Structure formats: structure tokens, C-alpha cells
Amino acid sequence: MTSIADRLGTAGSHALGRPITTSEAARLDNYMKLLIKWQRVQRLVGSDDPGWIVENVIVDSLLFARALPAGIRTLCDVGSGAGIPGIPLKIVMPALSVTLVEARQRRASFLATAIRELPLAGCRLMNQRVEELSPALAGTFDAVVMRCAGNPRRLISAVERLVSPGGIVVASGPPTATPLTVGEWLQIHGPGGARRFWIHHVT
């Protein structure tokens, strides 16, 4: 029987498009354990099953890395929730400066704990709605990422102002592509099949 550690390494490497290092695997495992601990008291994600978390939290998060341009230095995870995708991205891209934006207090409490206990240097939390972020943050991020089930076009006005010229917005998309007036669909193949992402380049 395949262990969770083996599944994490195999599926994570497939999702990321390169081998997961021993250090990265250990930190992703610590993140998973922390998430399971909190999940049993507060419902943060859909399940506390480690296999489910590997597939639906870690793999989904790491697939974002393949949609991001090389060389980005600053990233904002809007509506971060339980740190998806921002925390796994920070673990496998340690030089990246990551800002997690989450308005809901219980989820923000989890994120603050994760930043402190994992620990995640160069990662900060904004316990606010994206619309309430300081104007000083406008144009300061190379990329904004969002894991959402809704129509990404509804969110573009709120997040586009955060991205520097030449930057990118990447959002998880629905299983079926819908017509777009802004941006484009990108399909990335990972463990369990293809995932769809909405990509918008900011000029």
C-alpha cells in the first residue's frame, strides 16, 4: 500500500513538473498535519482525510506554479482560506514574497498559525477583504492567484489593481470552459486529470 508520504512526493512532483525535494516534502507534510488538526475543530476544507488533502489541496495548489511566469518575486493569494494555493506555493518557491489575503477570522487565525509554526519567512497575512486593502499595495505584485469556483470575471476589477504592469492574474476555473471577454483559459494536466485555469495578463 502506498503511504501518504509517497503519494505526496509522487503526486506533488507530477503537479509541480519537477521532483519535490526532501525538505519541501517535509514542509508540505507539516502543513497537511496542521490543516488536519484544525479541520477536526473548525471546518476549513472539505475533509480531514490525508489522501483527500494531498489531491485537493496540495496538488491543486502546486499546479498553479506551472501557470506562473518564471522569475516572479511577489505574489498575492486572494481569498486564501486555508492557505490554498499560497502556502504550498511558498513552500516550493521559498524566495517568493507571499501575501495571504483572507477576510474570515477563523481562517485568518489558521493562516497566522501556519505562518508562525511552519515557519514561513517572507509570508504575511492581511485579514481583510480584497476591496479594503490599502491603496499603497496597488501595483506591487507580480502575480495574483485565486482558487475560486465562481466566475473570475467578477473579481477582476478588485484584483487587477494589485498587479504591476506586465504581471498576471491566475484563477482556478470550472471543469468546462465558458466564453471569455478578458483573459484566456489554460489547461494543465496533473495527477487525476486536467485542471483549467483562467489567465489574465495585466498591461
N, C-alpha and C. Protein backbone atom coordinates (compact mmCIF):
# COMPACT_ATOMS: atom_id res chain seq x y z
N MET A 1 0.84 -1.19 0.00
CA MET A 1 0.00 0.00 0.00
C MET A 1 0.89 1.25 0.00
N THR A 2 0.55 2.20 -0.84
CA THR A 2 1.33 3.44 -0.93
C THR A 2 1.06 4.32 0.28
N SER A 3 2.13 4.80 0.91
CA SER A 3 1.97 5.67 2.08
C SER A 3 1.59 7.07 1.64
N ILE A 4 1.08 7.85 2.60
CA ILE A 4 0.72 9.24 2.31
C ILE A 4 1.96 10.03 1.91
N ALA A 5 3.10 9.75 2.56
CA ALA A 5 4.34 10.45 2.22
C ALA A 5 4.73 10.15 0.77
N ASP A 6 4.58 8.90 0.35
CA ASP A 6 4.90 8.54 -1.04
C ASP A 6 3.93 9.21 -2.00
N ARG A 7 2.66 9.22 -1.65
CA ARG A 7 1.65 9.88 -2.51
C ARG A 7 1.93 11.36 -2.62
N LEU A 8 2.31 11.95 -1.50
CA LEU A 8 2.63 13.38 -1.51
C LEU A 8 3.82 13.66 -2.42
N GLY A 9 4.85 12.84 -2.35
CA GLY A 9 6.02 13.04 -3.18
C GLY A 9 5.74 12.80 -4.65
N THR A 10 5.02 11.72 -4.96
CA THR A 10 4.74 11.37 -6.35
C THR A 10 3.77 12.34 -7.00
N ALA A 11 2.63 12.56 -6.33
CA ALA A 11 1.62 13.46 -6.90
C ALA A 11 2.12 14.90 -6.92
N GLY A 12 2.84 15.30 -5.87
CA GLY A 12 3.37 16.66 -5.82
C GLY A 12 4.37 16.91 -6.93
N SER A 13 5.24 15.95 -7.19
CA SER A 13 6.22 16.09 -8.27
C SER A 13 5.55 16.16 -9.63
N HIS A 14 4.52 15.33 -9.82
CA HIS A 14 3.77 15.36 -11.08
C HIS A 14 3.10 16.71 -11.28
N ALA A 15 2.49 17.22 -10.21
CA ALA A 15 1.79 18.51 -10.31
C ALA A 15 2.76 19.65 -10.57
N LEU A 16 3.90 19.63 -9.90
CA LEU A 16 4.85 20.73 -10.00
C LEU A 16 5.67 20.68 -11.29
N GLY A 17 5.80 19.49 -11.84
CA GLY A 17 6.59 19.35 -13.07
C GLY A 17 8.06 19.17 -12.82
N ARG A 18 8.43 18.91 -11.58
CA ARG A 18 9.81 18.61 -11.19
C ARG A 18 9.77 17.83 -9.90
N PRO A 19 10.84 17.13 -9.54
CA PRO A 19 10.83 16.37 -8.29
C PRO A 19 10.67 17.27 -7.07
N ILE A 20 9.86 16.83 -6.14
CA ILE A 20 9.74 17.51 -4.84
C ILE A 20 10.97 17.14 -4.00
N THR A 21 11.63 18.12 -3.42
CA THR A 21 12.79 17.82 -2.59
C THR A 21 12.36 17.26 -1.24
N THR A 22 13.31 16.65 -0.55
CA THR A 22 13.01 16.09 0.77
C THR A 22 12.53 17.17 1.73
N SER A 23 13.19 18.33 1.68
CA SER A 23 12.80 19.45 2.54
C SER A 23 11.40 19.95 2.21
N GLU A 24 11.09 20.09 0.92
CA GLU A 24 9.76 20.54 0.52
C GLU A 24 8.69 19.54 0.95
N ALA A 25 8.97 18.25 0.76
CA ALA A 25 8.01 17.21 1.15
C ALA A 25 7.73 17.25 2.65
N ALA A 26 8.78 17.47 3.44
CA ALA A 26 8.62 17.53 4.89
C ALA A 26 7.77 18.72 5.30
N ARG A 27 7.97 19.88 4.65
CA ARG A 27 7.20 21.07 5.00
C ARG A 27 5.76 20.96 4.52
N LEU A 28 5.56 20.37 3.35
CA LEU A 28 4.19 20.13 2.88
C LEU A 28 3.47 19.16 3.81
N ASP A 29 4.19 18.16 4.31
CA ASP A 29 3.60 17.21 5.25
C ASP A 29 3.23 17.91 6.56
N ASN A 30 4.09 18.80 7.04
CA ASN A 30 3.78 19.56 8.26
C ASN A 30 2.56 20.45 8.07
N TYR A 31 2.47 21.06 6.89
CA TYR A 31 1.29 21.87 6.57
C TYR A 31 0.04 21.01 6.58
N MET A 32 0.11 19.82 5.99
CA MET A 32 -1.03 18.91 5.96
C MET A 32 -1.45 18.50 7.38
N LYS A 33 -0.48 18.19 8.22
CA LYS A 33 -0.78 17.79 9.60
C LYS A 33 -1.44 18.94 10.37
N LEU A 34 -0.96 20.15 10.17
CA LEU A 34 -1.56 21.31 10.83
C LEU A 34 -2.98 21.53 10.34
N LEU A 35 -3.19 21.36 9.05
CA LEU A 35 -4.52 21.52 8.47
C LEU A 35 -5.48 20.47 9.03
N ILE A 36 -5.02 19.23 9.15
CA ILE A 36 -5.85 18.16 9.71
C ILE A 36 -6.22 18.46 11.15
N LYS A 37 -5.25 18.93 11.92
CA LYS A 37 -5.50 19.28 13.33
C LYS A 37 -6.60 20.33 13.45
N TRP A 38 -6.51 21.38 12.65
CA TRP A 38 -7.51 22.45 12.70
C TRP A 38 -8.84 22.00 12.10
N GLN A 39 -8.79 21.16 11.09
CA GLN A 39 -10.00 20.72 10.43
C GLN A 39 -10.91 19.96 11.38
N ARG A 40 -10.34 19.28 12.33
CA ARG A 40 -11.15 18.48 13.26
C ARG A 40 -11.91 19.34 14.26
N VAL A 41 -11.53 20.60 14.35
CA VAL A 41 -12.23 21.54 15.25
C VAL A 41 -13.01 22.57 14.44
N GLN A 42 -12.40 23.05 13.37
CA GLN A 42 -13.03 24.07 12.53
C GLN A 42 -12.99 23.59 11.08
N ARG A 43 -14.11 23.64 10.42
CA ARG A 43 -14.18 23.17 9.04
C ARG A 43 -13.50 24.19 8.11
N LEU A 44 -12.29 23.87 7.69
CA LEU A 44 -11.54 24.76 6.81
C LEU A 44 -11.57 24.30 5.36
N VAL A 45 -11.56 22.96 5.17
CA VAL A 45 -11.59 22.38 3.83
C VAL A 45 -12.64 21.27 3.82
N GLY A 46 -12.71 20.52 2.74
CA GLY A 46 -13.79 19.55 2.59
C GLY A 46 -13.64 18.26 3.37
N SER A 47 -12.43 17.95 3.87
CA SER A 47 -12.20 16.67 4.54
C SER A 47 -10.92 16.75 5.35
N ASP A 48 -10.81 15.87 6.37
CA ASP A 48 -9.56 15.76 7.10
C ASP A 48 -8.79 14.50 6.70
N ASP A 49 -9.22 13.85 5.62
CA ASP A 49 -8.54 12.66 5.13
C ASP A 49 -7.24 13.06 4.43
N PRO A 50 -6.09 12.52 4.84
CA PRO A 50 -4.81 12.93 4.24
C PRO A 50 -4.76 12.75 2.73
N GLY A 51 -5.31 11.65 2.22
CA GLY A 51 -5.31 11.44 0.78
C GLY A 51 -6.11 12.49 0.05
N TRP A 52 -7.24 12.87 0.63
CA TRP A 52 -8.08 13.93 0.02
C TRP A 52 -7.33 15.25 0.01
N ILE A 53 -6.63 15.55 1.10
CA ILE A 53 -5.89 16.81 1.19
C ILE A 53 -4.75 16.84 0.18
N VAL A 54 -4.05 15.72 0.02
CA VAL A 54 -2.98 15.67 -0.98
C VAL A 54 -3.53 16.02 -2.35
N GLU A 55 -4.65 15.40 -2.73
CA GLU A 55 -5.20 15.58 -4.07
C GLU A 55 -5.85 16.94 -4.25
N ASN A 56 -6.64 17.38 -3.29
CA ASN A 56 -7.50 18.55 -3.48
C ASN A 56 -6.93 19.85 -2.91
N VAL A 57 -5.92 19.75 -2.08
CA VAL A 57 -5.30 20.96 -1.53
C VAL A 57 -3.89 21.13 -2.09
N ILE A 58 -3.03 20.14 -1.87
CA ILE A 58 -1.63 20.30 -2.24
C ILE A 58 -1.43 20.22 -3.74
N VAL A 59 -1.98 19.19 -4.39
CA VAL A 59 -1.82 19.06 -5.84
C VAL A 59 -2.44 20.24 -6.56
N ASP A 60 -3.66 20.61 -6.17
CA ASP A 60 -4.32 21.75 -6.82
C ASP A 60 -3.50 23.03 -6.66
N SER A 61 -2.89 23.20 -5.50
CA SER A 61 -2.08 24.40 -5.26
C SER A 61 -0.82 24.40 -6.12
N LEU A 62 -0.14 23.26 -6.17
CA LEU A 62 1.12 23.19 -6.91
C LEU A 62 0.93 23.36 -8.41
N LEU A 63 -0.23 23.00 -8.93
CA LEU A 63 -0.49 23.20 -10.35
C LEU A 63 -0.43 24.68 -10.73
N PHE A 64 -0.75 25.56 -9.79
CA PHE A 64 -0.67 27.00 -10.06
C PHE A 64 0.75 27.40 -10.47
N ALA A 65 1.76 26.73 -9.91
CA ALA A 65 3.15 27.09 -10.20
C ALA A 65 3.44 26.96 -11.69
N ARG A 66 2.78 26.03 -12.35
CA ARG A 66 3.03 25.81 -13.77
C ARG A 66 2.32 26.85 -14.64
N ALA A 67 1.42 27.62 -14.05
CA ALA A 67 0.74 28.68 -14.78
C ALA A 67 1.41 30.03 -14.56
N LEU A 68 2.36 30.09 -13.62
CA LEU A 68 3.02 31.35 -13.29
C LEU A 68 4.29 31.53 -14.11
N PRO A 69 4.59 32.75 -14.53
CA PRO A 69 5.84 33.00 -15.27
C PRO A 69 7.06 32.78 -14.38
N ALA A 70 8.15 32.42 -15.00
CA ALA A 70 9.41 32.27 -14.26
C ALA A 70 9.88 33.64 -13.78
N GLY A 71 10.51 33.66 -12.63
CA GLY A 71 11.15 34.87 -12.16
C GLY A 71 10.28 35.83 -11.37
N ILE A 72 9.01 35.45 -11.06
CA ILE A 72 8.19 36.36 -10.25
C ILE A 72 8.75 36.42 -8.84
N ARG A 73 8.61 37.58 -8.22
CA ARG A 73 9.17 37.79 -6.89
C ARG A 73 8.11 38.03 -5.82
N THR A 74 6.94 38.56 -6.22
CA THR A 74 5.89 38.88 -5.26
C THR A 74 4.58 38.29 -5.72
N LEU A 75 3.84 37.68 -4.80
CA LEU A 75 2.59 37.01 -5.13
C LEU A 75 1.55 37.30 -4.05
N CYS A 76 0.32 37.54 -4.47
CA CYS A 76 -0.79 37.77 -3.55
C CYS A 76 -1.83 36.68 -3.76
N ASP A 77 -2.18 35.97 -2.71
CA ASP A 77 -3.20 34.92 -2.73
C ASP A 77 -4.48 35.52 -2.17
N VAL A 78 -5.43 35.82 -3.04
CA VAL A 78 -6.68 36.49 -2.66
C VAL A 78 -7.73 35.45 -2.27
N GLY A 79 -8.34 35.64 -1.10
CA GLY A 79 -9.30 34.66 -0.59
C GLY A 79 -8.60 33.37 -0.25
N SER A 80 -7.51 33.48 0.49
CA SER A 80 -6.60 32.35 0.71
C SER A 80 -7.24 31.20 1.45
N GLY A 81 -8.22 31.47 2.33
CA GLY A 81 -8.90 30.39 3.05
C GLY A 81 -7.96 29.64 3.96
N ALA A 82 -7.67 28.39 3.61
CA ALA A 82 -6.75 27.57 4.41
C ALA A 82 -5.33 27.63 3.86
N GLY A 83 -5.04 28.67 3.07
CA GLY A 83 -3.70 28.82 2.52
C GLY A 83 -3.54 28.21 1.14
N ILE A 84 -4.68 28.10 0.44
CA ILE A 84 -4.70 27.46 -0.88
C ILE A 84 -4.87 28.52 -1.96
N PRO A 85 -3.93 28.67 -2.88
CA PRO A 85 -2.71 27.90 -3.07
C PRO A 85 -1.45 28.51 -2.46
N GLY A 86 -1.58 29.62 -1.72
CA GLY A 86 -0.42 30.40 -1.33
C GLY A 86 0.62 29.67 -0.50
N ILE A 87 0.19 28.87 0.48
CA ILE A 87 1.17 28.21 1.35
C ILE A 87 1.97 27.14 0.61
N PRO A 88 1.33 26.19 -0.10
CA PRO A 88 2.16 25.25 -0.87
C PRO A 88 3.07 25.93 -1.89
N LEU A 89 2.60 27.00 -2.52
CA LEU A 89 3.46 27.73 -3.47
C LEU A 89 4.67 28.33 -2.75
N LYS A 90 4.46 28.89 -1.58
CA LYS A 90 5.56 29.45 -0.80
C LYS A 90 6.57 28.37 -0.42
N ILE A 91 6.09 27.18 -0.09
CA ILE A 91 6.98 26.10 0.31
C ILE A 91 7.89 25.67 -0.84
N VAL A 92 7.33 25.59 -2.05
CA VAL A 92 8.15 25.12 -3.18
C VAL A 92 8.83 26.27 -3.93
N MET A 93 8.49 27.51 -3.58
CA MET A 93 9.14 28.69 -4.16
C MET A 93 9.56 29.60 -3.01
N PRO A 94 10.53 29.18 -2.20
CA PRO A 94 10.84 29.87 -0.94
C PRO A 94 11.31 31.31 -1.09
N ALA A 95 11.87 31.67 -2.25
CA ALA A 95 12.33 33.04 -2.44
C ALA A 95 11.18 34.00 -2.73
N LEU A 96 10.01 33.45 -2.99
CA LEU A 96 8.85 34.26 -3.32
C LEU A 96 8.32 34.97 -2.07
N SER A 97 8.03 36.26 -2.20
CA SER A 97 7.37 37.02 -1.13
C SER A 97 5.87 36.86 -1.32
N VAL A 98 5.19 36.27 -0.33
CA VAL A 98 3.78 35.91 -0.46
C VAL A 98 2.92 36.68 0.54
N THR A 99 1.82 37.23 0.04
CA THR A 99 0.82 37.88 0.89
C THR A 99 -0.48 37.09 0.80
N LEU A 100 -0.98 36.65 1.94
CA LEU A 100 -2.24 35.91 2.01
C LEU A 100 -3.34 36.87 2.43
N VAL A 101 -4.38 37.01 1.60
CA VAL A 101 -5.49 37.90 1.91
C VAL A 101 -6.71 37.05 2.25
N GLU A 102 -7.22 37.19 3.47
CA GLU A 102 -8.37 36.39 3.92
C GLU A 102 -9.19 37.21 4.91
N ALA A 103 -10.46 37.42 4.58
CA ALA A 103 -11.32 38.27 5.41
C ALA A 103 -11.93 37.51 6.59
N ARG A 104 -12.15 36.20 6.45
CA ARG A 104 -12.84 35.44 7.50
C ARG A 104 -11.89 35.17 8.67
N GLN A 105 -12.35 35.49 9.88
CA GLN A 105 -11.47 35.49 11.04
C GLN A 105 -10.92 34.11 11.38
N ARG A 106 -11.77 33.07 11.36
CA ARG A 106 -11.29 31.74 11.73
C ARG A 106 -10.22 31.25 10.77
N ARG A 107 -10.42 31.50 9.50
CA ARG A 107 -9.41 31.09 8.52
C ARG A 107 -8.14 31.93 8.66
N ALA A 108 -8.31 33.20 8.95
CA ALA A 108 -7.15 34.06 9.18
C ALA A 108 -6.35 33.59 10.40
N SER A 109 -7.04 33.10 11.42
CA SER A 109 -6.35 32.58 12.61
C SER A 109 -5.51 31.36 12.24
N PHE A 110 -6.06 30.48 11.39
CA PHE A 110 -5.29 29.33 10.93
C PHE A 110 -4.07 29.79 10.14
N LEU A 111 -4.25 30.74 9.24
CA LEU A 111 -3.13 31.21 8.42
C LEU A 111 -2.03 31.82 9.29
N ALA A 112 -2.41 32.60 10.29
CA ALA A 112 -1.41 33.19 11.19
C ALA A 112 -0.63 32.11 11.91
N THR A 113 -1.33 31.04 12.33
CA THR A 113 -0.67 29.92 13.00
C THR A 113 0.27 29.20 12.05
N ALA A 114 -0.16 28.98 10.81
CA ALA A 114 0.67 28.29 9.83
C ALA A 114 1.94 29.08 9.53
N ILE A 115 1.80 30.39 9.35
CA ILE A 115 2.97 31.23 9.07
C ILE A 115 3.98 31.13 10.21
N ARG A 116 3.47 31.09 11.43
CA ARG A 116 4.34 31.06 12.62
C ARG A 116 4.96 29.67 12.84
N GLU A 117 4.17 28.61 12.69
CA GLU A 117 4.62 27.29 13.10
C GLU A 117 5.37 26.52 12.02
N LEU A 118 5.15 26.83 10.74
CA LEU A 118 5.80 26.00 9.71
C LEU A 118 7.32 26.17 9.64
N PRO A 119 7.98 27.29 9.86
CA PRO A 119 7.50 28.66 9.70
C PRO A 119 7.68 29.08 8.25
N LEU A 120 7.06 30.22 7.90
CA LEU A 120 7.11 30.70 6.52
C LEU A 120 7.67 32.12 6.50
N ALA A 121 8.98 32.25 6.41
CA ALA A 121 9.61 33.57 6.31
C ALA A 121 9.25 34.18 4.96
N GLY A 122 8.99 35.49 4.97
CA GLY A 122 8.61 36.16 3.73
C GLY A 122 7.18 35.91 3.33
N CYS A 123 6.34 35.58 4.32
CA CYS A 123 4.92 35.37 4.08
C CYS A 123 4.15 36.19 5.11
N ARG A 124 3.18 37.00 4.65
CA ARG A 124 2.41 37.83 5.57
C ARG A 124 0.92 37.63 5.33
N LEU A 125 0.14 37.99 6.34
CA LEU A 125 -1.31 37.84 6.31
C LEU A 125 -1.98 39.20 6.35
N MET A 126 -2.97 39.39 5.48
CA MET A 126 -3.85 40.55 5.52
C MET A 126 -5.26 40.05 5.83
N ASN A 127 -5.74 40.30 7.05
CA ASN A 127 -7.07 39.86 7.47
C ASN A 127 -8.10 40.91 7.05
N GLN A 128 -8.32 40.99 5.73
CA GLN A 128 -9.21 42.00 5.16
C GLN A 128 -9.86 41.46 3.88
N ARG A 129 -10.92 42.13 3.46
CA ARG A 129 -11.45 41.88 2.13
C ARG A 129 -10.51 42.53 1.12
N VAL A 130 -10.44 41.95 -0.06
CA VAL A 130 -9.51 42.48 -1.06
C VAL A 130 -9.86 43.92 -1.41
N GLU A 131 -11.14 44.26 -1.37
CA GLU A 131 -11.57 45.62 -1.69
C GLU A 131 -11.10 46.63 -0.65
N GLU A 132 -10.74 46.15 0.55
CA GLU A 132 -10.34 47.04 1.64
C GLU A 132 -8.82 47.20 1.77
N LEU A 133 -8.07 46.52 0.92
CA LEU A 133 -6.61 46.61 1.02
C LEU A 133 -6.14 48.04 0.76
N SER A 134 -5.06 48.40 1.39
CA SER A 134 -4.53 49.75 1.28
C SER A 134 -4.18 50.10 -0.17
N PRO A 135 -4.50 51.33 -0.58
CA PRO A 135 -4.09 51.79 -1.92
C PRO A 135 -2.58 51.69 -2.14
N ALA A 136 -1.82 51.67 -1.04
CA ALA A 136 -0.36 51.57 -1.16
C ALA A 136 0.07 50.24 -1.77
N LEU A 137 -0.81 49.24 -1.75
CA LEU A 137 -0.47 47.93 -2.32
C LEU A 137 -0.74 47.87 -3.82
N ALA A 138 -1.36 48.87 -4.37
CA ALA A 138 -1.67 48.87 -5.81
C ALA A 138 -0.40 48.74 -6.64
N GLY A 139 -0.42 47.82 -7.58
CA GLY A 139 0.69 47.64 -8.50
C GLY A 139 1.95 47.06 -7.89
N THR A 140 1.83 46.40 -6.74
CA THR A 140 3.03 45.91 -6.05
C THR A 140 3.29 44.42 -6.21
N PHE A 141 2.39 43.70 -6.89
CA PHE A 141 2.55 42.25 -7.01
C PHE A 141 2.80 41.83 -8.46
N ASP A 142 3.72 40.88 -8.62
CA ASP A 142 3.96 40.31 -9.95
C ASP A 142 2.82 39.38 -10.36
N ALA A 143 2.16 38.78 -9.37
CA ALA A 143 1.09 37.84 -9.67
C ALA A 143 0.06 37.83 -8.56
N VAL A 144 -1.19 37.65 -8.95
CA VAL A 144 -2.29 37.39 -8.01
C VAL A 144 -2.86 36.02 -8.36
N VAL A 145 -3.07 35.19 -7.34
CA VAL A 145 -3.67 33.88 -7.56
C VAL A 145 -4.95 33.78 -6.75
N MET A 146 -5.90 33.02 -7.29
CA MET A 146 -7.18 32.82 -6.61
C MET A 146 -7.67 31.41 -6.90
N ARG A 147 -8.12 30.74 -5.88
CA ARG A 147 -8.76 29.44 -6.06
C ARG A 147 -10.25 29.66 -5.80
N CYS A 148 -11.02 29.70 -6.87
CA CYS A 148 -12.43 30.05 -6.70
C CYS A 148 -13.29 29.21 -7.62
N ALA A 149 -14.55 29.06 -7.22
CA ALA A 149 -15.50 28.30 -8.03
C ALA A 149 -16.36 29.21 -8.89
N GLY A 150 -16.32 30.49 -8.61
CA GLY A 150 -17.18 31.44 -9.33
C GLY A 150 -16.56 31.91 -10.62
N ASN A 151 -17.23 32.86 -11.23
CA ASN A 151 -16.78 33.44 -12.49
C ASN A 151 -15.62 34.40 -12.21
N PRO A 152 -14.41 34.14 -12.74
CA PRO A 152 -13.28 35.02 -12.42
C PRO A 152 -13.47 36.44 -12.91
N ARG A 153 -14.32 36.64 -13.92
CA ARG A 153 -14.53 37.98 -14.45
C ARG A 153 -15.14 38.91 -13.41
N ARG A 154 -15.88 38.34 -12.44
CA ARG A 154 -16.49 39.16 -11.40
C ARG A 154 -15.46 39.72 -10.43
N LEU A 155 -14.29 39.12 -10.40
CA LEU A 155 -13.28 39.50 -9.43
C LEU A 155 -12.19 40.39 -10.03
N ILE A 156 -12.17 40.50 -11.34
CA ILE A 156 -11.02 41.14 -11.98
C ILE A 156 -10.83 42.59 -11.56
N SER A 157 -11.92 43.33 -11.39
CA SER A 157 -11.76 44.74 -11.04
C SER A 157 -11.15 44.91 -9.65
N ALA A 158 -11.42 43.96 -8.75
CA ALA A 158 -10.90 44.05 -7.39
C ALA A 158 -9.43 43.68 -7.31
N VAL A 159 -8.99 42.76 -8.17
CA VAL A 159 -7.62 42.27 -8.04
C VAL A 159 -6.65 42.86 -9.07
N GLU A 160 -7.15 43.32 -10.19
CA GLU A 160 -6.26 43.81 -11.24
C GLU A 160 -5.41 44.98 -10.75
N ARG A 161 -5.98 45.82 -9.87
CA ARG A 161 -5.24 46.99 -9.39
C ARG A 161 -4.02 46.61 -8.56
N LEU A 162 -4.00 45.38 -8.04
CA LEU A 162 -2.88 44.95 -7.21
C LEU A 162 -1.66 44.55 -8.03
N VAL A 163 -1.87 44.28 -9.33
CA VAL A 163 -0.82 43.69 -10.16
C VAL A 163 -0.02 44.77 -10.88
N SER A 164 1.29 44.60 -10.88
CA SER A 164 2.16 45.54 -11.59
C SER A 164 2.02 45.34 -13.10
N PRO A 165 2.31 46.37 -13.89
CA PRO A 165 2.24 46.21 -15.35
C PRO A 165 3.14 45.06 -15.81
N GLY A 166 2.59 44.21 -16.66
CA GLY A 166 3.33 43.03 -17.10
C GLY A 166 3.11 41.83 -16.20
N GLY A 167 2.34 42.02 -15.12
CA GLY A 167 2.06 40.92 -14.20
C GLY A 167 0.90 40.06 -14.66
N ILE A 168 0.47 39.15 -13.80
CA ILE A 168 -0.52 38.15 -14.21
C ILE A 168 -1.49 37.85 -13.09
N VAL A 169 -2.74 37.55 -13.46
CA VAL A 169 -3.75 37.02 -12.54
C VAL A 169 -4.05 35.59 -12.97
N VAL A 170 -4.01 34.65 -12.02
CA VAL A 170 -4.30 33.25 -12.31
C VAL A 170 -5.37 32.77 -11.34
N ALA A 171 -6.47 32.26 -11.89
CA ALA A 171 -7.56 31.75 -11.06
C ALA A 171 -7.92 30.34 -11.51
N SER A 172 -8.25 29.48 -10.56
CA SER A 172 -8.74 28.15 -10.93
C SER A 172 -10.07 28.31 -11.64
N GLY A 173 -10.32 27.46 -12.60
CA GLY A 173 -11.51 27.60 -13.41
C GLY A 173 -12.46 26.42 -13.28
N PRO A 174 -13.61 26.51 -13.91
CA PRO A 174 -14.59 25.43 -13.88
C PRO A 174 -14.16 24.29 -14.79
N PRO A 175 -14.77 23.11 -14.62
CA PRO A 175 -14.42 21.97 -15.48
C PRO A 175 -14.65 22.23 -16.96
N THR A 176 -15.66 23.04 -17.26
CA THR A 176 -15.98 23.36 -18.65
C THR A 176 -15.66 24.81 -18.93
N ALA A 177 -14.96 25.06 -20.02
CA ALA A 177 -14.61 26.43 -20.39
C ALA A 177 -15.85 27.20 -20.80
N THR A 178 -15.94 28.44 -20.37
CA THR A 178 -17.03 29.33 -20.75
C THR A 178 -16.45 30.46 -21.58
N PRO A 179 -17.28 31.15 -22.38
CA PRO A 179 -16.75 32.25 -23.20
C PRO A 179 -16.16 33.35 -22.32
N LEU A 180 -15.08 33.95 -22.77
CA LEU A 180 -14.38 34.99 -22.02
C LEU A 180 -14.29 36.26 -22.85
N THR A 181 -14.42 37.40 -22.16
CA THR A 181 -14.16 38.69 -22.81
C THR A 181 -12.81 39.24 -22.37
N VAL A 182 -12.28 38.70 -21.28
CA VAL A 182 -10.98 39.11 -20.74
C VAL A 182 -10.20 37.85 -20.40
N GLY A 183 -8.93 37.81 -20.74
CA GLY A 183 -8.10 36.67 -20.38
C GLY A 183 -8.31 35.47 -21.28
N GLU A 184 -7.75 34.35 -20.84
CA GLU A 184 -7.83 33.12 -21.63
C GLU A 184 -7.80 31.91 -20.70
N TRP A 185 -8.25 30.78 -21.23
CA TRP A 185 -8.21 29.53 -20.47
C TRP A 185 -6.89 28.81 -20.74
N LEU A 186 -6.33 28.21 -19.70
CA LEU A 186 -5.13 27.39 -19.81
C LEU A 186 -5.43 26.05 -19.14
N GLN A 187 -5.20 24.96 -19.85
CA GLN A 187 -5.43 23.63 -19.30
C GLN A 187 -4.10 23.00 -18.93
N ILE A 188 -3.98 22.54 -17.70
CA ILE A 188 -2.75 21.93 -17.21
C ILE A 188 -3.07 20.52 -16.75
N HIS A 189 -2.30 19.56 -17.24
CA HIS A 189 -2.51 18.16 -16.88
C HIS A 189 -1.70 17.82 -15.64
N GLY A 190 -2.38 17.24 -14.67
CA GLY A 190 -1.74 16.83 -13.44
C GLY A 190 -2.28 15.50 -12.99
N PRO A 191 -1.94 15.07 -11.78
CA PRO A 191 -2.48 13.82 -11.25
C PRO A 191 -4.00 13.86 -11.23
N GLY A 192 -4.64 12.84 -11.74
CA GLY A 192 -6.10 12.80 -11.71
C GLY A 192 -6.75 13.49 -12.88
N GLY A 193 -5.97 14.02 -13.81
CA GLY A 193 -6.56 14.64 -14.98
C GLY A 193 -6.17 16.09 -15.15
N ALA A 194 -6.88 16.75 -16.05
CA ALA A 194 -6.56 18.14 -16.38
C ALA A 194 -7.29 19.10 -15.47
N ARG A 195 -6.66 20.24 -15.17
CA ARG A 195 -7.29 21.33 -14.44
C ARG A 195 -7.29 22.55 -15.35
N ARG A 196 -8.31 23.37 -15.20
CA ARG A 196 -8.45 24.56 -16.04
C ARG A 196 -8.16 25.80 -15.22
N PHE A 197 -7.37 26.72 -15.80
CA PHE A 197 -7.04 27.97 -15.13
C PHE A 197 -7.38 29.15 -16.04
N TRP A 198 -7.82 30.22 -15.40
CA TRP A 198 -8.08 31.46 -16.12
C TRP A 198 -6.86 32.36 -15.95
N ILE A 199 -6.31 32.82 -17.06
CA ILE A 199 -5.08 33.61 -17.07
C ILE A 199 -5.39 34.99 -17.64
N HIS A 200 -4.97 36.02 -16.91
CA HIS A 200 -5.15 37.40 -17.40
C HIS A 200 -3.84 38.14 -17.23
N HIS A 201 -3.25 38.58 -18.34
CA HIS A 201 -2.02 39.36 -18.30
C HIS A 201 -2.37 40.84 -18.19
N VAL A 202 -1.79 41.50 -17.21
CA VAL A 202 -2.08 42.91 -16.94
C VAL A 202 -1.08 43.77 -17.69
N THR A 203 -1.60 44.73 -18.44
CA THR A 203 -0.73 45.62 -19.22
C THR A 203 -0.59 46.97 -18.56
